[in-house]
Structures are given as C-alpha cells and as structure tokens.
Amino acid sequence: MTDLDRSGDQTMKDENYDLITVIQASLENVWQMSTYISDADAAGDTELAEWFRKIQNNNIKAGEQGKRMLAARLQVA
C-alpha cells in the first residue's frame, strides 16, 4: 500500500515505523533536556530549569507509553 506524504513522494505506510520514530524523538528529547536543565541550573534560572524538567517528564511519559504500545503491536505481528 502506498500513500503520498506531504512532499508528494510515494512512501510505504508503516505505523510501527512511525511509532518507533516518535519513541526515538521522545527519548532523544529526554536526553537533550538534561543538558538544557544543567545549563539553566548553572545560570541560576530556576524557572527555565523547571520548565525543561516538565518537558523532560512529558517526554519520558510519551516514550514509556510508546514502548508499551510497540511491544503490544509486535506481539500481535
């Protein structure tokens, strides 16, 4: 099955690949936020550090949820 993506290219639809890509992005954001949190803490900007921590926690939750979803889908496949 093919579908047109936003750029007009023909691509294969693969929801599991999409899910894996989003999990990867979420977990990369968790790692990146650690750097931003450290930078904000070092600058004494507690407001910004706390905001980065909230984003990091949201990405942790999204990554964990995505991993559970992927595991369930792979068991069925």
Protein backbone atom coordinates (compact mmCIF):
# COMPACT_ATOMS: atom_id res chain seq x y z
CA MET A 1 0.00 0.00 0.00
CA THR A 2 1.42 3.41 -0.92
CA ASP A 3 0.43 6.86 0.18
CA LEU A 4 1.56 10.38 -0.66
CA ASP A 5 3.40 12.16 2.10
CA ARG A 6 3.44 15.94 2.49
CA SER A 7 6.28 16.41 0.00
CA GLY A 8 4.40 14.44 -2.67
CA ASP A 9 6.76 11.45 -2.62
CA GLN A 10 5.30 7.98 -2.64
CA THR A 11 6.11 6.15 0.58
CA MET A 12 5.06 2.94 2.27
CA LYS A 13 2.69 3.39 5.17
CA ASP A 14 4.08 1.73 8.24
CA GLU A 15 2.53 2.70 11.55
CA ASN A 16 5.11 0.73 13.53
CA TYR A 17 7.93 2.69 11.88
CA ASP A 18 6.10 5.92 12.69
CA LEU A 19 5.69 4.80 16.30
CA ILE A 20 9.38 3.89 16.57
CA THR A 21 10.34 7.28 15.14
CA VAL A 22 8.21 9.11 17.72
CA ILE A 23 9.61 6.97 20.56
CA GLN A 24 13.13 7.79 19.40
CA ALA A 25 12.37 11.51 19.23
CA SER A 26 10.81 11.47 22.70
CA LEU A 27 13.76 9.66 24.26
CA GLU A 28 16.27 11.91 22.47
CA ASN A 29 14.40 14.91 23.90
CA VAL A 30 14.73 13.41 27.40
CA TRP A 31 18.50 13.25 26.92
CA GLN A 32 18.70 16.75 25.39
CA MET A 33 16.61 18.29 28.17
CA SER A 34 19.24 17.08 30.67
CA THR A 35 21.75 19.40 29.01
CA TYR A 36 19.31 22.31 29.00
CA ILE A 37 18.42 21.70 32.64
CA SER A 38 22.10 21.71 33.61
CA ASP A 39 22.67 24.91 31.66
CA ALA A 40 19.70 26.65 33.28
CA ASP A 41 20.72 25.43 36.75
CA ALA A 42 24.27 26.69 36.20
CA ALA A 43 22.88 30.08 35.16
CA GLY A 44 20.67 30.18 38.26
CA ASP A 45 17.50 30.26 36.16
CA THR A 46 15.24 28.03 38.23
CA GLU A 47 12.12 28.95 36.25
CA LEU A 48 13.65 27.80 32.99
CA ALA A 49 15.17 24.68 34.57
CA GLU A 50 11.77 23.71 35.98
CA TRP A 51 10.12 24.24 32.58
CA PHE A 52 12.74 22.00 30.96
CA ARG A 53 12.10 19.37 33.66
CA LYS A 54 8.38 19.42 32.84
CA ILE A 55 9.14 18.91 29.16
CA GLN A 56 11.55 16.12 30.06
CA ASN A 57 8.91 14.39 32.21
CA ASN A 58 6.34 14.64 29.41
CA ASN A 59 8.82 13.05 27.01
CA ILE A 60 9.59 10.27 29.50
CA LYS A 61 5.87 9.52 29.75
CA ALA A 62 5.45 9.60 25.96
CA GLY A 63 8.47 7.33 25.46
CA GLU A 64 7.24 4.81 28.02
CA GLN A 65 3.73 4.81 26.57
CA GLY A 66 5.15 4.37 23.08
CA LYS A 67 7.33 1.45 24.17
CA ARG A 68 4.30 -0.29 25.68
CA MET A 69 2.31 0.31 22.50
CA LEU A 70 5.13 -1.03 20.32
CA ALA A 71 5.57 -4.13 22.48
CA ALA A 72 1.86 -4.90 22.21
CA ARG A 73 1.88 -4.41 18.43
CA LEU A 74 4.94 -6.61 17.95
CA GLN A 75 3.37 -9.43 19.99
CA VAL A 76 0.40 -9.43 17.61
CA ALA A 77 2.55 -9.31 14.44
